[in-house]
Amino acid sequence: MRQIRHLFFGYYLPRVPRQNMGKVADELFVRGIEYIVRRQTETHYLLELGRAEYEACRDEGVFEQEEQPPLCGLPAFFQLCRRRPGLPVGAVLAVALFCLLSCFVWEVRISGADLYDEEGILQSLSDLGLHEGAFIPQLDADAVTSAYLASGAPISFMNIQRKGTVIYVNCRPNESQKPKTPIQNGKGTNIVASKDAIIEEITVESGRAVVSRGAVVKKGDLLVSGIYEGPQRLFITQANGQIMGRITQTLVIDIPFEQTVQTFDRSEMTGLTVTLLGCPLSLFSREATADTVTSDTRLYLFDLVRLPVSVSVERQVSTREERVMLTRTEAMQMAYARLHALRTALMGEGELISSAVEGRFTESGYHLECRLTYVENIAESIDFSYE
């Protein structure tokens, strides 16, 4: 209750020297005044007293201070507003702006659509009127859901909910992405090898496997056919499955000691765009004479609430070429760093079986060879037509 009273009626924070604290405490005790020690240092105590109590003690000479401490609490805020009328006006305008922006969609979040392109779903919903910046009172979630499902999208269920200014769209993918029964004509899919490999494991969900475990295949060889024979005719389907192949490759990396590098020269802003509720507003733009780099920043309130405002800054970056000489250690480190990047890009989600690395220095640089053996899914789908 004391803190609430101080907030509404005001309070002071007097500084009392340490040598006078005993005398001041006795005076406050005699008068029955409660106080709070907010902070203490080696030289003084910082007390908190209610506005009326402090002013009464000040008039009786309890506090020996050359300057009166500033008033705190709501009374101090109201006094500041009287001296600076722009503060309450700005506060009212801020509340009015927030209420206005609360009538629009700030963000659309998609969940449950892992098998599909989220950007595509957002674009389809935007065409139906559900997008960032849409006027909330005019949104009809049931109509948007019905129109989207009727468009033939591979979604079996969609639920749209609104929480404040954020729209949550929960999608349930259609489980049947391929025909459950073969069709007699139309379009089908074959599975071919994406790399030279030795077949380790075959898992076919639909189609007819034309290779077996241990077979040596080349890139482009047919692995699973989408055409197979029925009792009286040929049938076509969309071949689907996972073909694990053992791949052996050799990576060769040469790092010369003499390098030509691009160094940063200067950067100049060539464009500034603010996007509010999905509507871009160009504030500054000029023609660029060199390569440009664009950075997009989404604004947040206290790092918690995502605001419907983003800032895009385009900068012109100028570079210049410089020739540098690498040391033996730097050349070797660069070679291994490049090997790690190439190996990660080459294997993807594959499983490493063995890796043999051999490196040596030459007259002009560092030579590195790596023989990789790994297992990954080499299935690549190829569409075809059949009539």
Foldseek 3Di string as FASTA:
>chain_A
DVVVQCQAQWKFWDKAFPVLPVQLVVVCVVVVFDKDFPDDDPTTTIIIGHPVVVVVCVVVPSGDDPDGGDIDHDVSVVVVCVVPVVVVVVVVVVVVVVVVCLQWAQEEAEPQPVVDDPVVVQVLLVVVQDHQGGGNVPDDQVVSQVVVVVVVPQFPDWDWDDDRRYIYIYTHGNPDPWDPDWDAFWKEKFWWFQAFFAWADWFWPDAAAPDDHRDTHGHGHTGGAQWDDDPPGITGIYTDTFTKGKDKDKDKDWFFQKDKDKDWDDKDWAWKWKAARNRIDTPGHDDAPADKDKDKAFDADVVPHTGSMIMIIIMHTDIDIDIDGHDQVRLVVVRVVVVVVVVCVVQPPWAWDDKDKDKDADPGGIMIMIMTIIMDGRIDMDMDGGD
